[in-house]
Each structure stands twice: as structure tokens, then as C-alpha cells.
Amino acid sequence: LGSALVLLGVLVGLSEGLGVTGDDY
């Protein structure tokens, strides 16, 4: 559980930093 939360936070941070946004639909 802790690792999943950490990885999710890292993915969100990287997505924002790299300008990768969620799909528009």
C-alpha cells in the first residue's frame, strides 16, 4: 500500500513536470 501511494505521487509529479496530462475525452 505504501509503495503504491508513493509511486502514484511520483507519477503525478512527473506528469505535471513533463507536461503529460490525462486523456481528454
mmCIF file of all heavy atoms, coordinates in Angstrom:
data_MODEL
# 
_entry.id   MODEL 
# 
loop_
_atom_site.group_PDB 
_atom_site.id 
_atom_site.type_symbol 
_atom_site.label_atom_id 
_atom_site.label_alt_id 
_atom_site.label_comp_id 
_atom_site.label_asym_id 
_atom_site.label_entity_id 
_atom_site.label_seq_id 
_atom_site.pdbx_PDB_ins_code 
_atom_site.Cartn_x 
_atom_site.Cartn_y 
_atom_site.Cartn_z 
_atom_site.occupancy 
_atom_site.B_iso_or_equiv 
_atom_site.pdbx_formal_charge 
_atom_site.auth_seq_id 
_atom_site.auth_comp_id 
_atom_site.auth_asym_id 
_atom_site.auth_atom_id 
_atom_site.pdbx_PDB_model_num 
ATOM 1   N N   . LEU A 1 1  ? 0.828   -1.204 0.000   1.00 0.00 ? 1  LEU A N   1 
ATOM 2   C CA  . LEU A 1 1  ? 0.000   0.000  0.000   1.00 0.00 ? 1  LEU A CA  1 
ATOM 3   C C   . LEU A 1 1  ? 0.864   1.256  0.000   1.00 0.00 ? 1  LEU A C   1 
ATOM 4   O O   . LEU A 1 1  ? 0.625   2.192  -0.780  1.00 0.00 ? 1  LEU A O   1 
ATOM 5   C CB  . LEU A 1 1  ? -0.931  -0.003 1.214   1.00 0.00 ? 1  LEU A CB  1 
ATOM 6   C CG  . LEU A 1 1  ? -1.830  1.231  1.385   1.00 0.00 ? 1  LEU A CG  1 
ATOM 7   C CD1 . LEU A 1 1  ? -2.739  1.396  0.182   1.00 0.00 ? 1  LEU A CD1 1 
ATOM 8   C CD2 . LEU A 1 1  ? -2.648  1.110  2.666   1.00 0.00 ? 1  LEU A CD2 1 
ATOM 9   N N   . GLY A 1 2  ? 1.872   1.279  0.857   1.00 0.00 ? 2  GLY A N   1 
ATOM 10  C CA  . GLY A 1 2  ? 2.740   2.451  0.920   1.00 0.00 ? 2  GLY A CA  1 
ATOM 11  C C   . GLY A 1 2  ? 3.478   2.692  -0.380  1.00 0.00 ? 2  GLY A C   1 
ATOM 12  O O   . GLY A 1 2  ? 3.587   3.830  -0.847  1.00 0.00 ? 2  GLY A O   1 
ATOM 13  N N   . SER A 1 3  ? 3.971   1.626  -0.996  1.00 0.00 ? 3  SER A N   1 
ATOM 14  C CA  . SER A 1 3  ? 4.697   1.764  -2.260  1.00 0.00 ? 3  SER A CA  1 
ATOM 15  C C   . SER A 1 3  ? 3.784   2.242  -3.380  1.00 0.00 ? 3  SER A C   1 
ATOM 16  O O   . SER A 1 3  ? 4.186   3.065  -4.215  1.00 0.00 ? 3  SER A O   1 
ATOM 17  C CB  . SER A 1 3  ? 5.331   0.429  -2.655  1.00 0.00 ? 3  SER A CB  1 
ATOM 18  O OG  . SER A 1 3  ? 6.266   0.003  -1.685  1.00 0.00 ? 3  SER A OG  1 
ATOM 19  N N   . ALA A 1 4  ? 2.537   1.724  -3.400  1.00 0.00 ? 4  ALA A N   1 
ATOM 20  C CA  . ALA A 1 4  ? 1.588   2.158  -4.430  1.00 0.00 ? 4  ALA A CA  1 
ATOM 21  C C   . ALA A 1 4  ? 1.299   3.650  -4.302  1.00 0.00 ? 4  ALA A C   1 
ATOM 22  O O   . ALA A 1 4  ? 1.225   4.366  -5.304  1.00 0.00 ? 4  ALA A O   1 
ATOM 23  C CB  . ALA A 1 4  ? 0.300   1.350  -4.321  1.00 0.00 ? 4  ALA A CB  1 
ATOM 24  N N   . LEU A 1 5  ? 1.142   4.129  -3.065  1.00 0.00 ? 5  LEU A N   1 
ATOM 25  C CA  . LEU A 1 5  ? 0.877   5.555  -2.852  1.00 0.00 ? 5  LEU A CA  1 
ATOM 26  C C   . LEU A 1 5  ? 2.081   6.404  -3.255  1.00 0.00 ? 5  LEU A C   1 
ATOM 27  O O   . LEU A 1 5  ? 1.931   7.465  -3.864  1.00 0.00 ? 5  LEU A O   1 
ATOM 28  C CB  . LEU A 1 5  ? 0.519   5.800  -1.387  1.00 0.00 ? 5  LEU A CB  1 
ATOM 29  C CG  . LEU A 1 5  ? -0.819  5.203  -0.922  1.00 0.00 ? 5  LEU A CG  1 
ATOM 30  C CD1 . LEU A 1 5  ? -1.003  5.410  0.581   1.00 0.00 ? 5  LEU A CD1 1 
ATOM 31  C CD2 . LEU A 1 5  ? -1.982  5.819  -1.699  1.00 0.00 ? 5  LEU A CD2 1 
ATOM 32  N N   . VAL A 1 6  ? 3.270   5.930  -2.908  1.00 0.00 ? 6  VAL A N   1 
ATOM 33  C CA  . VAL A 1 6  ? 4.485   6.662  -3.285  1.00 0.00 ? 6  VAL A CA  1 
ATOM 34  C C   . VAL A 1 6  ? 4.618   6.724  -4.798  1.00 0.00 ? 6  VAL A C   1 
ATOM 35  O O   . VAL A 1 6  ? 4.902   7.779  -5.378  1.00 0.00 ? 6  VAL A O   1 
ATOM 36  C CB  . VAL A 1 6  ? 5.728   5.997  -2.659  1.00 0.00 ? 6  VAL A CB  1 
ATOM 37  C CG1 . VAL A 1 6  ? 7.012   6.569  -3.266  1.00 0.00 ? 6  VAL A CG1 1 
ATOM 38  C CG2 . VAL A 1 6  ? 5.739   6.203  -1.146  1.00 0.00 ? 6  VAL A CG2 1 
ATOM 39  N N   . LEU A 1 7  ? 4.397   5.576  -5.454  1.00 0.00 ? 7  LEU A N   1 
ATOM 40  C CA  . LEU A 1 7  ? 4.535   5.534  -6.916  1.00 0.00 ? 7  LEU A CA  1 
ATOM 41  C C   . LEU A 1 7  ? 3.491   6.422  -7.583  1.00 0.00 ? 7  LEU A C   1 
ATOM 42  O O   . LEU A 1 7  ? 3.787   7.104  -8.567  1.00 0.00 ? 7  LEU A O   1 
ATOM 43  C CB  . LEU A 1 7  ? 4.395   4.099  -7.405  1.00 0.00 ? 7  LEU A CB  1 
ATOM 44  C CG  . LEU A 1 7  ? 4.832   3.846  -8.843  1.00 0.00 ? 7  LEU A CG  1 
ATOM 45  C CD1 . LEU A 1 7  ? 6.329   4.067  -8.986  1.00 0.00 ? 7  LEU A CD1 1 
ATOM 46  C CD2 . LEU A 1 7  ? 4.480   2.428  -9.271  1.00 0.00 ? 7  LEU A CD2 1 
ATOM 47  N N   . LEU A 1 8  ? 2.280   6.428  -7.038  1.00 0.00 ? 8  LEU A N   1 
ATOM 48  C CA  . LEU A 1 8  ? 1.236   7.292  -7.592  1.00 0.00 ? 8  LEU A CA  1 
ATOM 49  C C   . LEU A 1 8  ? 1.628   8.760  -7.479  1.00 0.00 ? 8  LEU A C   1 
ATOM 50  O O   . LEU A 1 8  ? 1.461   9.537  -8.423  1.00 0.00 ? 8  LEU A O   1 
ATOM 51  C CB  . LEU A 1 8  ? -0.085  7.043  -6.871  1.00 0.00 ? 8  LEU A CB  1 
ATOM 52  C CG  . LEU A 1 8  ? -1.277  7.905  -7.311  1.00 0.00 ? 8  LEU A CG  1 
ATOM 53  C CD1 . LEU A 1 8  ? -1.589  7.659  -8.786  1.00 0.00 ? 8  LEU A CD1 1 
ATOM 54  C CD2 . LEU A 1 8  ? -2.497  7.616  -6.448  1.00 0.00 ? 8  LEU A CD2 1 
ATOM 55  N N   . GLY A 1 9  ? 2.175   9.140  -6.330  1.00 0.00 ? 9  GLY A N   1 
ATOM 56  C CA  . GLY A 1 9  ? 2.623   10.518 -6.157  1.00 0.00 ? 9  GLY A CA  1 
ATOM 57  C C   . GLY A 1 9  ? 3.736   10.886 -7.123  1.00 0.00 ? 9  GLY A C   1 
ATOM 58  O O   . GLY A 1 9  ? 3.748   11.987 -7.686  1.00 0.00 ? 9  GLY A O   1 
ATOM 59  N N   . VAL A 1 10 ? 4.654   9.952  -7.339  1.00 0.00 ? 10 VAL A N   1 
ATOM 60  C CA  . VAL A 1 10 ? 5.756   10.207 -8.276  1.00 0.00 ? 10 VAL A CA  1 
ATOM 61  C C   . VAL A 1 10 ? 5.223   10.357 -9.696  1.00 0.00 ? 10 VAL A C   1 
ATOM 62  O O   . VAL A 1 10 ? 5.650   11.249 -10.445 1.00 0.00 ? 10 VAL A O   1 
ATOM 63  C CB  . VAL A 1 10 ? 6.791   9.071  -8.201  1.00 0.00 ? 10 VAL A CB  1 
ATOM 64  C CG1 . VAL A 1 10 ? 7.824   9.206  -9.314  1.00 0.00 ? 10 VAL A CG1 1 
ATOM 65  C CG2 . VAL A 1 10 ? 7.487   9.075  -6.845  1.00 0.00 ? 10 VAL A CG2 1 
ATOM 66  N N   . LEU A 1 11 ? 4.278   9.497  -10.077 1.00 0.00 ? 11 LEU A N   1 
ATOM 67  C CA  . LEU A 1 11 ? 3.706   9.584  -11.422 1.00 0.00 ? 11 LEU A CA  1 
ATOM 68  C C   . LEU A 1 11 ? 2.979   10.898 -11.638 1.00 0.00 ? 11 LEU A C   1 
ATOM 69  O O   . LEU A 1 11 ? 3.107   11.527 -12.696 1.00 0.00 ? 11 LEU A O   1 
ATOM 70  C CB  . LEU A 1 11 ? 2.747   8.413  -11.654 1.00 0.00 ? 11 LEU A CB  1 
ATOM 71  C CG  . LEU A 1 11 ? 3.382   7.055  -11.954 1.00 0.00 ? 11 LEU A CG  1 
ATOM 72  C CD1 . LEU A 1 11 ? 2.315   5.964  -11.973 1.00 0.00 ? 11 LEU A CD1 1 
ATOM 73  C CD2 . LEU A 1 11 ? 4.133   7.085  -13.272 1.00 0.00 ? 11 LEU A CD2 1 
ATOM 74  N N   . VAL A 1 12 ? 2.218   11.326 -10.631 1.00 0.00 ? 12 VAL A N   1 
ATOM 75  C CA  . VAL A 1 12 ? 1.509   12.598 -10.749 1.00 0.00 ? 12 VAL A CA  1 
ATOM 76  C C   . VAL A 1 12 ? 2.498   13.746 -10.874 1.00 0.00 ? 12 VAL A C   1 
ATOM 77  O O   . VAL A 1 12 ? 2.350   14.649 -11.701 1.00 0.00 ? 12 VAL A O   1 
ATOM 78  C CB  . VAL A 1 12 ? 0.576   12.805 -9.541  1.00 0.00 ? 12 VAL A CB  1 
ATOM 79  C CG1 . VAL A 1 12 ? 0.004   14.215 -9.528  1.00 0.00 ? 12 VAL A CG1 1 
ATOM 80  C CG2 . VAL A 1 12 ? -0.560  11.787 -9.571  1.00 0.00 ? 12 VAL A CG2 1 
ATOM 81  N N   . GLY A 1 13 ? 3.543   13.711 -10.036 1.00 0.00 ? 13 GLY A N   1 
ATOM 82  C CA  . GLY A 1 13 ? 4.554   14.768 -10.090 1.00 0.00 ? 13 GLY A CA  1 
ATOM 83  C C   . GLY A 1 13 ? 5.273   14.809 -11.416 1.00 0.00 ? 13 GLY A C   1 
ATOM 84  O O   . GLY A 1 13 ? 5.481   15.876 -12.000 1.00 0.00 ? 13 GLY A O   1 
ATOM 85  N N   . LEU A 1 14 ? 5.641   13.629 -11.936 1.00 0.00 ? 14 LEU A N   1 
ATOM 86  C CA  . LEU A 1 14 ? 6.327   13.581 -13.225 1.00 0.00 ? 14 LEU A CA  1 
ATOM 87  C C   . LEU A 1 14 ? 5.409   14.026 -14.358 1.00 0.00 ? 14 LEU A C   1 
ATOM 88  O O   . LEU A 1 14 ? 5.846   14.707 -15.290 1.00 0.00 ? 14 LEU A O   1 
ATOM 89  C CB  . LEU A 1 14 ? 6.833   12.169 -13.499 1.00 0.00 ? 14 LEU A CB  1 
ATOM 90  C CG  . LEU A 1 14 ? 8.042   11.702 -12.677 1.00 0.00 ? 14 LEU A CG  1 
ATOM 91  C CD1 . LEU A 1 14 ? 8.350   10.246 -12.963 1.00 0.00 ? 14 LEU A CD1 1 
ATOM 92  C CD2 . LEU A 1 14 ? 9.261   12.568 -12.961 1.00 0.00 ? 14 LEU A CD2 1 
ATOM 93  N N   . SER A 1 15 ? 4.135   13.641 -14.274 1.00 0.00 ? 15 SER A N   1 
ATOM 94  C CA  . SER A 1 15 ? 3.186   14.029 -15.313 1.00 0.00 ? 15 SER A CA  1 
ATOM 95  C C   . SER A 1 15 ? 3.047   15.539 -15.381 1.00 0.00 ? 15 SER A C   1 
ATOM 96  O O   . SER A 1 15 ? 3.040   16.145 -16.454 1.00 0.00 ? 15 SER A O   1 
ATOM 97  C CB  . SER A 1 15 ? 1.819   13.389 -15.049 1.00 0.00 ? 15 SER A CB  1 
ATOM 98  O OG  . SER A 1 15 ? 1.907   11.986 -15.119 1.00 0.00 ? 15 SER A OG  1 
ATOM 99  N N   . GLU A 1 16 ? 2.953   16.180 -14.214 1.00 0.00 ? 16 GLU A N   1 
ATOM 100 C CA  . GLU A 1 16 ? 2.838   17.634 -14.192 1.00 0.00 ? 16 GLU A CA  1 
ATOM 101 C C   . GLU A 1 16 ? 4.135   18.300 -14.631 1.00 0.00 ? 16 GLU A C   1 
ATOM 102 O O   . GLU A 1 16 ? 4.137   19.274 -15.379 1.00 0.00 ? 16 GLU A O   1 
ATOM 103 C CB  . GLU A 1 16 ? 2.458   18.092 -12.787 1.00 0.00 ? 16 GLU A CB  1 
ATOM 104 C CG  . GLU A 1 16 ? 1.055   17.663 -12.378 1.00 0.00 ? 16 GLU A CG  1 
ATOM 105 C CD  . GLU A 1 16 ? 0.711   18.123 -10.980 1.00 0.00 ? 16 GLU A CD  1 
ATOM 106 O OE1 . GLU A 1 16 ? 1.616   18.665 -10.292 1.00 0.00 ? 16 GLU A OE1 1 
ATOM 107 O OE2 . GLU A 1 16 ? -0.443  17.939 -10.560 1.00 0.00 ? 16 GLU A OE2 1 
ATOM 108 N N   . GLY A 1 17 ? 5.259   17.749 -14.180 1.00 0.00 ? 17 GLY A N   1 
ATOM 109 C CA  . GLY A 1 17 ? 6.540   18.347 -14.528 1.00 0.00 ? 17 GLY A CA  1 
ATOM 110 C C   . GLY A 1 17 ? 6.878   18.218 -15.993 1.00 0.00 ? 17 GLY A C   1 
ATOM 111 O O   . GLY A 1 17 ? 7.493   19.098 -16.589 1.00 0.00 ? 17 GLY A O   1 
ATOM 112 N N   . LEU A 1 18 ? 6.471   17.083 -16.601 1.00 0.00 ? 18 LEU A N   1 
ATOM 113 C CA  . LEU A 1 18 ? 6.767   16.855 -18.017 1.00 0.00 ? 18 LEU A CA  1 
ATOM 114 C C   . LEU A 1 18 ? 5.655   17.340 -18.930 1.00 0.00 ? 18 LEU A C   1 
ATOM 115 O O   . LEU A 1 18 ? 5.746   17.204 -20.151 1.00 0.00 ? 18 LEU A O   1 
ATOM 116 C CB  . LEU A 1 18 ? 7.001   15.356 -18.260 1.00 0.00 ? 18 LEU A CB  1 
ATOM 117 C CG  . LEU A 1 18 ? 8.205   14.742 -17.534 1.00 0.00 ? 18 LEU A CG  1 
ATOM 118 C CD1 . LEU A 1 18 ? 8.217   13.239 -17.743 1.00 0.00 ? 18 LEU A CD1 1 
ATOM 119 C CD2 . LEU A 1 18 ? 9.504   15.359 -18.007 1.00 0.00 ? 18 LEU A CD2 1 
ATOM 120 N N   . GLY A 1 19 ? 4.608   17.885 -18.335 1.00 0.00 ? 19 GLY A N   1 
ATOM 121 C CA  . GLY A 1 19 ? 3.501   18.381 -19.138 1.00 0.00 ? 19 GLY A CA  1 
ATOM 122 C C   . GLY A 1 19 ? 2.637   17.287 -19.705 1.00 0.00 ? 19 GLY A C   1 
ATOM 123 O O   . GLY A 1 19 ? 1.947   17.471 -20.704 1.00 0.00 ? 19 GLY A O   1 
ATOM 124 N N   . VAL A 1 20 ? 2.661   16.092 -19.086 1.00 0.00 ? 20 VAL A N   1 
ATOM 125 C CA  . VAL A 1 20 ? 1.830   14.977 -19.535 1.00 0.00 ? 20 VAL A CA  1 
ATOM 126 C C   . VAL A 1 20 ? 0.517   15.034 -18.772 1.00 0.00 ? 20 VAL A C   1 
ATOM 127 O O   . VAL A 1 20 ? 0.500   14.937 -17.554 1.00 0.00 ? 20 VAL A O   1 
ATOM 128 C CB  . VAL A 1 20 ? 2.527   13.622 -19.271 1.00 0.00 ? 20 VAL A CB  1 
ATOM 129 C CG1 . VAL A 1 20 ? 1.646   12.476 -19.721 1.00 0.00 ? 20 VAL A CG1 1 
ATOM 130 C CG2 . VAL A 1 20 ? 3.865   13.587 -19.961 1.00 0.00 ? 20 VAL A CG2 1 
ATOM 131 N N   . THR A 1 21 ? -0.568  15.226 -19.460 1.00 0.00 ? 21 THR A N   1 
ATOM 132 C CA  . THR A 1 21 ? -1.860  15.330 -18.799 1.00 0.00 ? 21 THR A CA  1 
ATOM 133 C C   . THR A 1 21 ? -2.688  14.087 -19.078 1.00 0.00 ? 21 THR A C   1 
ATOM 134 O O   . THR A 1 21 ? -2.357  13.271 -19.933 1.00 0.00 ? 21 THR A O   1 
ATOM 135 C CB  . THR A 1 21 ? -2.627  16.558 -19.323 1.00 0.00 ? 21 THR A CB  1 
ATOM 136 O OG1 . THR A 1 21 ? -2.798  16.419 -20.738 1.00 0.00 ? 21 THR A OG1 1 
ATOM 137 C CG2 . THR A 1 21 ? -1.857  17.835 -19.039 1.00 0.00 ? 21 THR A CG2 1 
ATOM 138 N N   . GLY A 1 22 ? -3.757  13.943 -18.344 1.00 0.00 ? 22 GLY A N   1 
ATOM 139 C CA  . GLY A 1 22 ? -4.656  12.828 -18.574 1.00 0.00 ? 22 GLY A CA  1 
ATOM 140 C C   . GLY A 1 22 ? -5.353  12.978 -19.911 1.00 0.00 ? 22 GLY A C   1 
ATOM 141 O O   . GLY A 1 22 ? -5.386  14.041 -20.520 1.00 0.00 ? 22 GLY A O   1 
ATOM 142 N N   . ASP A 1 23 ? -5.930  11.882 -20.372 1.00 0.00 ? 23 ASP A N   1 
ATOM 143 C CA  . ASP A 1 23 ? -6.609  11.902 -21.661 1.00 0.00 ? 23 ASP A CA  1 
ATOM 144 C C   . ASP A 1 23 ? -7.809  12.840 -21.624 1.00 0.00 ? 23 ASP A C   1 
ATOM 145 O O   . ASP A 1 23 ? -8.563  12.882 -20.661 1.00 0.00 ? 23 ASP A O   1 
ATOM 146 C CB  . ASP A 1 23 ? -7.085  10.489 -22.011 1.00 0.00 ? 23 ASP A CB  1 
ATOM 147 C CG  . ASP A 1 23 ? -5.934  9.558  -22.327 1.00 0.00 ? 23 ASP A CG  1 
ATOM 148 O OD1 . ASP A 1 23 ? -4.900  10.059 -22.797 1.00 0.00 ? 23 ASP A OD1 1 
ATOM 149 O OD2 . ASP A 1 23 ? -6.070  8.348  -22.101 1.00 0.00 ? 23 ASP A OD2 1 
ATOM 150 N N   . ASP A 1 24 ? -7.994  13.593 -22.711 1.00 0.00 ? 24 ASP A N   1 
ATOM 151 C CA  . ASP A 1 24 ? -9.210  14.368 -22.907 1.00 0.00 ? 24 ASP A CA  1 
ATOM 152 C C   . ASP A 1 24 ? -10.207 13.467 -23.630 1.00 0.00 ? 24 ASP A C   1 
ATOM 153 O O   . ASP A 1 24 ? -9.861  12.789 -24.597 1.00 0.00 ? 24 ASP A O   1 
ATOM 154 C CB  . ASP A 1 24 ? -8.920  15.617 -23.745 1.00 0.00 ? 24 ASP A CB  1 
ATOM 155 C CG  . ASP A 1 24 ? -8.035  16.604 -23.005 1.00 0.00 ? 24 ASP A CG  1 
ATOM 156 O OD1 . ASP A 1 24 ? -8.246  16.788 -21.794 1.00 0.00 ? 24 ASP A OD1 1 
ATOM 157 O OD2 . ASP A 1 24 ? -7.136  17.172 -23.633 1.00 0.00 ? 24 ASP A OD2 1 
ATOM 158 N N   . TYR A 1 25 ? -11.434 13.457 -23.182 1.00 0.00 ? 25 TYR A N   1 
ATOM 159 C CA  . TYR A 1 25 ? -12.405 12.573 -23.797 1.00 0.00 ? 25 TYR A CA  1 
ATOM 160 C C   . TYR A 1 25 ? -13.812 13.140 -23.646 1.00 0.00 ? 25 TYR A C   1 
ATOM 161 O O   . TYR A 1 25 ? -14.076 14.028 -22.844 1.00 0.00 ? 25 TYR A O   1 
ATOM 162 C CB  . TYR A 1 25 ? -12.349 11.177 -23.152 1.00 0.00 ? 25 TYR A CB  1 
ATOM 163 C CG  . TYR A 1 25 ? -12.748 11.159 -21.696 1.00 0.00 ? 25 TYR A CG  1 
ATOM 164 C CD1 . TYR A 1 25 ? -14.081 10.993 -21.313 1.00 0.00 ? 25 TYR A CD1 1 
ATOM 165 C CD2 . TYR A 1 25 ? -11.788 11.308 -20.697 1.00 0.00 ? 25 TYR A CD2 1 
ATOM 166 C CE1 . TYR A 1 25 ? -14.451 10.983 -19.978 1.00 0.00 ? 25 TYR A CE1 1 
ATOM 167 C CE2 . TYR A 1 25 ? -12.149 11.297 -19.366 1.00 0.00 ? 25 TYR A CE2 1 
ATOM 168 C CZ  . TYR A 1 25 ? -13.477 11.128 -19.010 1.00 0.00 ? 25 TYR A CZ  1 
ATOM 169 O OH  . TYR A 1 25 ? -13.845 11.120 -17.689 1.00 0.00 ? 25 TYR A OH  1 
# 
